[in-house]
Amino acid sequence: MLTLQYILITLAAIVGMEFMAWFTHKYVMHGLLWNWHEDHHQPKHLKHGFFEKNDLFFLVFAIPSAICYMVGLAVPGYFWLLFVGIGISIYGLIYFLIHDVYIHRRFNWFKQLDSTYSRAILRAHGAHHAHQTKEDGESFGLLVVHPKYFKKRRSFSKDAG
């Protein structure tokens, strides 16, 4: 029974991190810490080098995870926090693989995914990056995608009537 509780805590932390990532992206990255995130919205040809200031957010999200690991392992009665830390770490890995590897192609580790969901993620993130300023943004989450991004884009040609 305890194993099930730890699995549920880990899953709840993963789900909770999607909300935290959305909240932080909308109100911190596009707010107070825009100066860290701004270079992420610049076109590739304007970027200098592999790293962006935006990469600092990986450290910001790693700190609570590390604290949960340490407290969970060191303080009696708080072992459950270890699984919160594991959930945060798993979400971080998912975010890295989807955002940096799949969407932005910072690493050439796997080819184009082809599913309705993966195309919706690309559309939503593309809509987000259509804005190069901190105002008027949309689609701040990563895994939870608005239904409008699941719709196929219509291609119009001269022959279409």
N, C-alpha and C. Protein backbone atom coordinates (compact mmCIF):
# COMPACT_ATOMS: atom_id res chain seq x y z
N MET A 1 0.83 -1.20 0.00
CA MET A 1 0.00 0.00 0.00
C MET A 1 0.87 1.26 0.00
N LEU A 2 1.98 1.20 0.74
CA LEU A 2 2.88 2.34 0.80
C LEU A 2 3.49 2.64 -0.57
N THR A 3 3.80 1.59 -1.32
CA THR A 3 4.35 1.76 -2.67
C THR A 3 3.37 2.50 -3.55
N LEU A 4 2.10 2.16 -3.47
CA LEU A 4 1.06 2.84 -4.25
C LEU A 4 1.00 4.32 -3.87
N GLN A 5 1.10 4.62 -2.59
CA GLN A 5 1.10 6.02 -2.14
C GLN A 5 2.27 6.80 -2.74
N TYR A 6 3.43 6.19 -2.74
CA TYR A 6 4.61 6.86 -3.30
C TYR A 6 4.48 7.06 -4.81
N ILE A 7 3.89 6.10 -5.49
CA ILE A 7 3.65 6.24 -6.93
C ILE A 7 2.66 7.38 -7.17
N LEU A 8 1.60 7.44 -6.37
CA LEU A 8 0.61 8.51 -6.53
C LEU A 8 1.20 9.88 -6.21
N ILE A 9 2.07 9.96 -5.21
CA ILE A 9 2.73 11.23 -4.88
C ILE A 9 3.61 11.66 -6.06
N THR A 10 4.35 10.72 -6.63
CA THR A 10 5.21 11.03 -7.78
C THR A 10 4.37 11.52 -8.95
N LEU A 11 3.28 10.83 -9.26
CA LEU A 11 2.41 11.24 -10.37
C LEU A 11 1.76 12.60 -10.10
N ALA A 12 1.35 12.84 -8.86
CA ALA A 12 0.76 14.14 -8.51
C ALA A 12 1.79 15.26 -8.68
N ALA A 13 3.03 14.98 -8.34
CA ALA A 13 4.09 16.00 -8.51
C ALA A 13 4.31 16.29 -9.99
N ILE A 14 4.28 15.26 -10.83
CA ILE A 14 4.45 15.46 -12.28
C ILE A 14 3.32 16.33 -12.82
N VAL A 15 2.08 15.99 -12.46
CA VAL A 15 0.92 16.77 -12.91
C VAL A 15 0.99 18.19 -12.36
N GLY A 16 1.34 18.32 -11.09
CA GLY A 16 1.45 19.64 -10.47
C GLY A 16 2.51 20.50 -11.14
N MET A 17 3.57 19.87 -11.62
CA MET A 17 4.63 20.63 -12.29
C MET A 17 4.17 21.22 -13.61
N GLU A 18 3.22 20.57 -14.29
CA GLU A 18 2.71 21.18 -15.52
C GLU A 18 2.03 22.50 -15.19
N PHE A 19 1.25 22.52 -14.10
CA PHE A 19 0.63 23.78 -13.68
C PHE A 19 1.70 24.79 -13.26
N MET A 20 2.69 24.34 -12.48
CA MET A 20 3.75 25.25 -12.04
C MET A 20 4.54 25.80 -13.22
N ALA A 21 4.81 24.95 -14.21
CA ALA A 21 5.53 25.40 -15.41
C ALA A 21 4.71 26.44 -16.15
N TRP A 22 3.39 26.20 -16.29
CA TRP A 22 2.51 27.17 -16.95
C TRP A 22 2.52 28.49 -16.18
N PHE A 23 2.30 28.41 -14.87
CA PHE A 23 2.25 29.62 -14.04
C PHE A 23 3.57 30.39 -14.11
N THR A 24 4.67 29.68 -13.94
CA THR A 24 5.98 30.33 -13.97
C THR A 24 6.27 30.92 -15.34
N HIS A 25 5.91 30.20 -16.39
CA HIS A 25 6.15 30.70 -17.75
C HIS A 25 5.35 31.97 -18.00
N LYS A 26 4.08 31.95 -17.62
CA LYS A 26 3.21 33.10 -17.88
C LYS A 26 3.55 34.32 -17.01
N TYR A 27 3.75 34.10 -15.71
CA TYR A 27 3.86 35.22 -14.79
C TYR A 27 5.28 35.57 -14.34
N VAL A 28 6.22 34.65 -14.48
CA VAL A 28 7.60 34.94 -14.09
C VAL A 28 8.47 35.13 -15.33
N MET A 29 8.45 34.15 -16.23
CA MET A 29 9.28 34.26 -17.43
C MET A 29 8.82 35.40 -18.35
N HIS A 30 7.52 35.59 -18.42
CA HIS A 30 6.98 36.70 -19.23
C HIS A 30 6.64 37.88 -18.33
N GLY A 31 7.25 37.93 -17.18
CA GLY A 31 7.05 39.02 -16.23
C GLY A 31 8.38 39.47 -15.67
N LEU A 32 8.54 39.25 -14.37
CA LEU A 32 9.71 39.72 -13.63
C LEU A 32 11.05 39.27 -14.22
N LEU A 33 11.13 38.03 -14.70
CA LEU A 33 12.40 37.50 -15.22
C LEU A 33 12.41 37.39 -16.75
N TRP A 34 11.72 38.31 -17.41
CA TRP A 34 11.72 38.33 -18.87
C TRP A 34 13.14 38.46 -19.42
N ASN A 35 14.00 39.18 -18.70
CA ASN A 35 15.38 39.36 -19.19
C ASN A 35 16.13 38.02 -19.29
N TRP A 36 15.73 37.00 -18.53
CA TRP A 36 16.31 35.66 -18.68
C TRP A 36 15.68 34.92 -19.85
N HIS A 37 14.40 35.16 -20.10
CA HIS A 37 13.63 34.37 -21.06
C HIS A 37 13.61 34.99 -22.46
N GLU A 38 13.89 36.26 -22.55
CA GLU A 38 13.76 36.99 -23.81
C GLU A 38 14.55 36.37 -24.95
N ASP A 39 15.79 35.94 -24.69
CA ASP A 39 16.60 35.38 -25.77
C ASP A 39 16.00 34.10 -26.35
N HIS A 40 15.17 33.43 -25.58
CA HIS A 40 14.50 32.22 -26.07
C HIS A 40 13.50 32.53 -27.18
N HIS A 41 13.00 33.75 -27.19
CA HIS A 41 12.02 34.16 -28.20
C HIS A 41 12.67 34.81 -29.42
N GLN A 42 13.97 34.93 -29.42
CA GLN A 42 14.65 35.52 -30.58
C GLN A 42 14.83 34.47 -31.67
N PRO A 43 14.82 34.90 -32.92
CA PRO A 43 15.10 33.95 -34.01
C PRO A 43 16.50 33.35 -33.87
N LYS A 44 16.67 32.13 -34.37
CA LYS A 44 17.95 31.42 -34.22
C LYS A 44 19.14 32.23 -34.73
N HIS A 45 18.96 32.93 -35.83
CA HIS A 45 20.10 33.64 -36.41
C HIS A 45 20.59 34.81 -35.54
N LEU A 46 19.80 35.22 -34.56
CA LEU A 46 20.22 36.30 -33.65
C LEU A 46 20.87 35.77 -32.37
N LYS A 47 20.84 34.46 -32.17
CA LYS A 47 21.38 33.88 -30.95
C LYS A 47 22.88 33.67 -31.08
N HIS A 48 23.56 33.79 -29.95
CA HIS A 48 25.00 33.64 -29.91
C HIS A 48 25.35 32.42 -29.08
N GLY A 49 25.79 31.37 -29.72
CA GLY A 49 26.21 30.18 -29.01
C GLY A 49 25.07 29.22 -28.71
N PHE A 50 25.42 28.13 -28.04
CA PHE A 50 24.48 27.05 -27.76
C PHE A 50 23.54 27.38 -26.61
N PHE A 51 24.08 27.99 -25.56
CA PHE A 51 23.28 28.26 -24.36
C PHE A 51 22.54 29.58 -24.47
N GLU A 52 21.41 29.63 -23.78
CA GLU A 52 20.61 30.85 -23.67
C GLU A 52 20.51 31.20 -22.19
N LYS A 53 20.24 32.47 -21.90
CA LYS A 53 19.97 32.84 -20.50
C LYS A 53 18.77 32.06 -19.98
N ASN A 54 17.84 31.75 -20.87
CA ASN A 54 16.64 31.00 -20.53
C ASN A 54 16.98 29.65 -19.88
N ASP A 55 18.15 29.09 -20.18
CA ASP A 55 18.56 27.81 -19.61
C ASP A 55 18.73 27.89 -18.09
N LEU A 56 18.85 29.08 -17.55
CA LEU A 56 18.94 29.24 -16.09
C LEU A 56 17.70 28.71 -15.38
N PHE A 57 16.57 28.68 -16.09
CA PHE A 57 15.34 28.18 -15.45
C PHE A 57 15.44 26.70 -15.12
N PHE A 58 16.28 25.94 -15.81
CA PHE A 58 16.48 24.54 -15.43
C PHE A 58 17.03 24.47 -14.01
N LEU A 59 17.93 25.39 -13.68
CA LEU A 59 18.47 25.42 -12.32
C LEU A 59 17.41 25.85 -11.32
N VAL A 60 16.59 26.81 -11.69
CA VAL A 60 15.52 27.29 -10.81
C VAL A 60 14.59 26.13 -10.44
N PHE A 61 14.23 25.32 -11.43
CA PHE A 61 13.33 24.19 -11.17
C PHE A 61 14.05 23.03 -10.50
N ALA A 62 15.36 22.95 -10.64
CA ALA A 62 16.11 21.86 -10.01
C ALA A 62 16.25 22.07 -8.50
N ILE A 63 16.24 23.32 -8.05
CA ILE A 63 16.44 23.61 -6.63
C ILE A 63 15.36 22.99 -5.75
N PRO A 64 14.05 23.19 -6.05
CA PRO A 64 13.04 22.55 -5.19
C PRO A 64 13.13 21.02 -5.24
N SER A 65 13.46 20.48 -6.41
CA SER A 65 13.62 19.03 -6.51
C SER A 65 14.74 18.55 -5.61
N ALA A 66 15.88 19.22 -5.65
CA ALA A 66 17.02 18.83 -4.82
C ALA A 66 16.69 18.95 -3.34
N ILE A 67 15.98 20.01 -2.97
CA ILE A 67 15.58 20.19 -1.57
C ILE A 67 14.67 19.05 -1.13
N CYS A 68 13.73 18.66 -1.99
CA CYS A 68 12.84 17.54 -1.66
C CYS A 68 13.61 16.24 -1.49
N TYR A 69 14.60 15.99 -2.35
CA TYR A 69 15.45 14.81 -2.19
C TYR A 69 16.15 14.84 -0.83
N MET A 70 16.78 15.96 -0.51
CA MET A 70 17.58 16.06 0.72
C MET A 70 16.71 15.93 1.97
N VAL A 71 15.60 16.68 2.01
CA VAL A 71 14.72 16.62 3.18
C VAL A 71 14.08 15.24 3.29
N GLY A 72 13.63 14.71 2.17
CA GLY A 72 12.99 13.39 2.17
C GLY A 72 13.91 12.28 2.68
N LEU A 73 15.17 12.40 2.36
CA LEU A 73 16.13 11.37 2.79
C LEU A 73 16.72 11.63 4.18
N ALA A 74 16.73 12.88 4.62
CA ALA A 74 17.44 13.22 5.86
C ALA A 74 16.53 13.44 7.06
N VAL A 75 15.29 13.84 6.85
CA VAL A 75 14.43 14.21 7.97
C VAL A 75 13.39 13.10 8.21
N PRO A 76 13.42 12.50 9.40
CA PRO A 76 12.44 11.45 9.71
C PRO A 76 11.01 11.96 9.55
N GLY A 77 10.17 11.13 8.94
CA GLY A 77 8.77 11.48 8.75
C GLY A 77 8.48 12.22 7.46
N TYR A 78 9.51 12.56 6.73
CA TYR A 78 9.33 13.30 5.48
C TYR A 78 9.83 12.52 4.26
N PHE A 79 9.88 11.22 4.37
CA PHE A 79 10.36 10.39 3.25
C PHE A 79 9.52 10.60 1.99
N TRP A 80 8.24 10.90 2.17
CA TRP A 80 7.34 11.14 1.03
C TRP A 80 7.83 12.27 0.15
N LEU A 81 8.56 13.25 0.73
CA LEU A 81 9.09 14.36 -0.06
C LEU A 81 10.10 13.90 -1.12
N LEU A 82 10.75 12.78 -0.86
CA LEU A 82 11.65 12.21 -1.86
C LEU A 82 10.90 11.98 -3.16
N PHE A 83 9.66 11.52 -3.07
CA PHE A 83 8.87 11.20 -4.25
C PHE A 83 8.32 12.45 -4.93
N VAL A 84 8.15 13.52 -4.17
CA VAL A 84 7.84 14.81 -4.79
C VAL A 84 9.04 15.24 -5.63
N GLY A 85 10.24 15.12 -5.06
CA GLY A 85 11.46 15.45 -5.78
C GLY A 85 11.64 14.60 -7.03
N ILE A 86 11.33 13.32 -6.92
CA ILE A 86 11.42 12.43 -8.09
C ILE A 86 10.43 12.88 -9.16
N GLY A 87 9.21 13.24 -8.75
CA GLY A 87 8.21 13.72 -9.71
C GLY A 87 8.65 14.99 -10.42
N ILE A 88 9.24 15.91 -9.67
CA ILE A 88 9.75 17.15 -10.27
C ILE A 88 10.86 16.81 -11.26
N SER A 89 11.73 15.88 -10.90
CA SER A 89 12.82 15.47 -11.80
C SER A 89 12.29 14.82 -13.06
N ILE A 90 11.29 13.97 -12.92
CA ILE A 90 10.70 13.31 -14.09
C ILE A 90 10.07 14.34 -15.01
N TYR A 91 9.36 15.31 -14.42
CA TYR A 91 8.77 16.37 -15.26
C TYR A 91 9.87 17.15 -15.96
N GLY A 92 10.96 17.43 -15.26
CA GLY A 92 12.08 18.14 -15.87
C GLY A 92 12.65 17.38 -17.05
N LEU A 93 12.76 16.07 -16.92
CA LEU A 93 13.24 15.25 -18.03
C LEU A 93 12.26 15.27 -19.20
N ILE A 94 10.97 15.14 -18.89
CA ILE A 94 9.94 15.22 -19.95
C ILE A 94 10.01 16.57 -20.64
N TYR A 95 10.10 17.63 -19.86
CA TYR A 95 10.16 18.98 -20.42
C TYR A 95 11.38 19.14 -21.33
N PHE A 96 12.52 18.68 -20.85
CA PHE A 96 13.75 18.76 -21.64
C PHE A 96 13.60 18.01 -22.96
N LEU A 97 13.10 16.78 -22.90
CA LEU A 97 12.98 15.96 -24.11
C LEU A 97 11.98 16.56 -25.10
N ILE A 98 10.86 17.05 -24.60
CA ILE A 98 9.85 17.61 -25.52
C ILE A 98 10.25 19.00 -25.98
N HIS A 99 10.62 19.87 -25.05
CA HIS A 99 10.87 21.27 -25.40
C HIS A 99 12.20 21.47 -26.12
N ASP A 100 13.27 20.99 -25.53
CA ASP A 100 14.59 21.26 -26.09
C ASP A 100 14.99 20.29 -27.20
N VAL A 101 14.63 19.02 -27.05
CA VAL A 101 15.02 18.04 -28.06
C VAL A 101 14.01 18.00 -29.21
N TYR A 102 12.74 17.82 -28.89
CA TYR A 102 11.73 17.66 -29.94
C TYR A 102 11.33 18.98 -30.61
N ILE A 103 10.94 19.96 -29.83
CA ILE A 103 10.42 21.21 -30.40
C ILE A 103 11.54 22.07 -30.99
N HIS A 104 12.55 22.36 -30.18
CA HIS A 104 13.59 23.30 -30.62
C HIS A 104 14.80 22.65 -31.28
N ARG A 105 14.84 21.33 -31.29
CA ARG A 105 15.91 20.59 -31.97
C ARG A 105 17.31 21.01 -31.53
N ARG A 106 17.46 21.28 -30.23
CA ARG A 106 18.79 21.65 -29.72
C ARG A 106 19.71 20.44 -29.70
N PHE A 107 19.13 19.26 -29.71
CA PHE A 107 19.88 18.01 -29.81
C PHE A 107 19.19 17.18 -30.89
N ASN A 108 19.96 16.53 -31.71
CA ASN A 108 19.40 15.73 -32.80
C ASN A 108 19.32 14.26 -32.36
N TRP A 109 18.46 14.00 -31.38
CA TRP A 109 18.41 12.67 -30.81
C TRP A 109 17.32 11.79 -31.39
N PHE A 110 16.21 12.37 -31.80
CA PHE A 110 15.21 11.54 -32.44
C PHE A 110 14.49 12.34 -33.50
N LYS A 111 13.89 11.61 -34.42
CA LYS A 111 13.25 12.22 -35.57
C LYS A 111 11.88 12.78 -35.19
N GLN A 112 11.27 13.37 -36.18
CA GLN A 112 9.93 13.95 -36.03
C GLN A 112 8.94 12.92 -35.51
N LEU A 113 8.25 13.25 -34.45
CA LEU A 113 7.16 12.42 -33.98
C LEU A 113 5.95 12.70 -34.85
N ASP A 114 5.13 11.71 -35.06
CA ASP A 114 3.98 11.93 -35.92
C ASP A 114 2.72 11.37 -35.26
N SER A 115 2.13 12.20 -34.44
CA SER A 115 0.84 11.85 -33.84
C SER A 115 0.03 13.14 -33.73
N THR A 116 -1.24 13.01 -33.52
CA THR A 116 -2.10 14.18 -33.36
C THR A 116 -1.62 15.03 -32.20
N TYR A 117 -1.25 14.37 -31.09
CA TYR A 117 -0.80 15.09 -29.90
C TYR A 117 0.52 15.80 -30.14
N SER A 118 1.49 15.13 -30.76
CA SER A 118 2.79 15.77 -30.98
C SER A 118 2.67 16.95 -31.94
N ARG A 119 1.80 16.83 -32.94
CA ARG A 119 1.57 17.97 -33.84
C ARG A 119 0.89 19.12 -33.11
N ALA A 120 -0.02 18.81 -32.19
CA ALA A 120 -0.69 19.86 -31.39
C ALA A 120 0.32 20.59 -30.50
N ILE A 121 1.25 19.85 -29.92
CA ILE A 121 2.28 20.48 -29.09
C ILE A 121 3.11 21.44 -29.95
N LEU A 122 3.48 21.01 -31.15
CA LEU A 122 4.26 21.88 -32.04
C LEU A 122 3.48 23.13 -32.42
N ARG A 123 2.20 22.96 -32.74
CA ARG A 123 1.37 24.12 -33.11
C ARG A 123 1.24 25.10 -31.94
N ALA A 124 0.99 24.58 -30.76
CA ALA A 124 0.82 25.43 -29.58
C ALA A 124 2.11 26.19 -29.28
N HIS A 125 3.22 25.50 -29.36
CA HIS A 125 4.50 26.16 -29.06
C HIS A 125 4.85 27.16 -30.17
N GLY A 126 4.51 26.82 -31.39
CA GLY A 126 4.72 27.76 -32.49
C GLY A 126 3.90 29.02 -32.31
N ALA A 127 2.67 28.86 -31.84
CA ALA A 127 1.82 30.03 -31.58
C ALA A 127 2.42 30.87 -30.45
N HIS A 128 3.00 30.20 -29.46
CA HIS A 128 3.63 30.93 -28.36
C HIS A 128 4.83 31.74 -28.87
N HIS A 129 5.63 31.13 -29.72
CA HIS A 129 6.84 31.79 -30.22
C HIS A 129 6.54 32.79 -31.33
N ALA A 130 5.32 32.86 -31.78
CA ALA A 130 4.95 33.88 -32.77
C ALA A 130 5.04 35.27 -32.15
N HIS A 131 5.04 35.32 -30.83
CA HIS A 131 5.17 36.59 -30.10
C HIS A 131 6.61 36.73 -29.61
N GLN A 132 7.28 37.80 -29.98
CA GLN A 132 8.67 37.99 -29.55
C GLN A 132 8.80 38.96 -28.38
N THR A 133 7.66 39.40 -27.86
CA THR A 133 7.67 40.27 -26.70
C THR A 133 7.03 39.53 -25.53
N LYS A 134 7.13 40.10 -24.34
CA LYS A 134 6.56 39.42 -23.18
C LYS A 134 5.05 39.59 -23.09
N GLU A 135 4.50 40.55 -23.81
CA GLU A 135 3.06 40.78 -23.78
C GLU A 135 2.37 39.94 -24.85
N ASP A 136 1.06 39.82 -24.70
CA ASP A 136 0.19 39.17 -25.70
C ASP A 136 0.58 37.73 -26.01
N GLY A 137 1.16 37.04 -25.07
CA GLY A 137 1.53 35.65 -25.30
C GLY A 137 0.33 34.72 -25.22
N GLU A 138 0.53 33.51 -25.67
CA GLU A 138 -0.48 32.47 -25.57
C GLU A 138 0.21 31.13 -25.41
N SER A 139 -0.53 30.14 -24.99
CA SER A 139 -0.05 28.77 -24.87
C SER A 139 1.23 28.69 -24.04
N PHE A 140 1.10 28.85 -22.74
CA PHE A 140 2.25 28.87 -21.84
C PHE A 140 2.59 27.50 -21.28
N GLY A 141 1.72 26.53 -21.42
CA GLY A 141 1.99 25.19 -20.91
C GLY A 141 2.79 24.38 -21.91
N LEU A 142 3.05 23.14 -21.56
CA LEU A 142 3.79 22.27 -22.47
C LEU A 142 2.98 21.02 -22.80
N LEU A 143 2.53 20.30 -21.81
CA LEU A 143 1.87 19.02 -22.03
C LEU A 143 0.36 19.14 -22.19
N VAL A 144 -0.24 20.12 -21.51
CA VAL A 144 -1.68 20.34 -21.63
C VAL A 144 -1.87 21.36 -22.75
N VAL A 145 -2.49 20.91 -23.82
CA VAL A 145 -2.60 21.72 -25.03
C VAL A 145 -4.06 22.05 -25.29
N HIS A 146 -4.34 23.32 -25.59
CA HIS A 146 -5.70 23.76 -25.90
C HIS A 146 -6.23 22.96 -27.09
N PRO A 147 -7.52 22.58 -27.07
CA PRO A 147 -8.09 21.79 -28.17
C PRO A 147 -7.95 22.42 -29.57
N LYS A 148 -7.86 23.74 -29.64
CA LYS A 148 -7.76 24.37 -30.96
C LYS A 148 -6.49 23.97 -31.70
N TYR A 149 -5.45 23.55 -30.98
CA TYR A 149 -4.20 23.16 -31.62
C TYR A 149 -4.23 21.73 -32.17
N PHE A 150 -5.30 21.00 -31.87
CA PHE A 150 -5.44 19.65 -32.40
C PHE A 150 -6.07 19.65 -33.79
N LYS A 151 -6.64 20.77 -34.17
CA LYS A 151 -7.29 20.86 -35.48
C LYS A 151 -6.23 20.96 -36.57
N LYS A 152 -6.48 20.28 -37.67
CA LYS A 152 -5.55 20.34 -38.80
C LYS A 152 -5.59 21.73 -39.40
N ARG A 153 -4.43 22.18 -39.83
CA ARG A 153 -4.37 23.45 -40.55
C ARG A 153 -4.91 23.23 -41.95
N ARG A 154 -5.67 24.17 -42.39
CA ARG A 154 -6.18 24.07 -43.75
C ARG A 154 -5.18 24.69 -44.71
N SER A 155 -4.91 23.98 -45.75
CA SER A 155 -4.03 24.56 -46.77
C SER A 155 -4.90 25.06 -47.90
N PHE A 156 -4.63 26.26 -48.30
CA PHE A 156 -5.41 26.88 -49.36
C PHE A 156 -4.55 26.96 -50.61
N SER A 157 -5.12 26.60 -51.72
CA SER A 157 -4.40 26.73 -52.99
C SER A 157 -5.25 27.53 -53.95
N LYS A 158 -4.65 27.88 -55.06
CA LYS A 158 -5.39 28.66 -56.06
C LYS A 158 -6.57 27.90 -56.61
N ASP A 159 -6.44 26.56 -56.63
CA ASP A 159 -7.50 25.73 -57.20
C ASP A 159 -8.63 25.46 -56.23
N ALA A 160 -8.41 25.70 -54.94
CA ALA A 160 -9.44 25.41 -53.95
C ALA A 160 -10.57 26.43 -54.08
N GLY A 161 -11.77 25.95 -54.02
CA GLY A 161 -12.89 26.83 -54.22
C GLY A 161 -13.67 27.08 -53.07
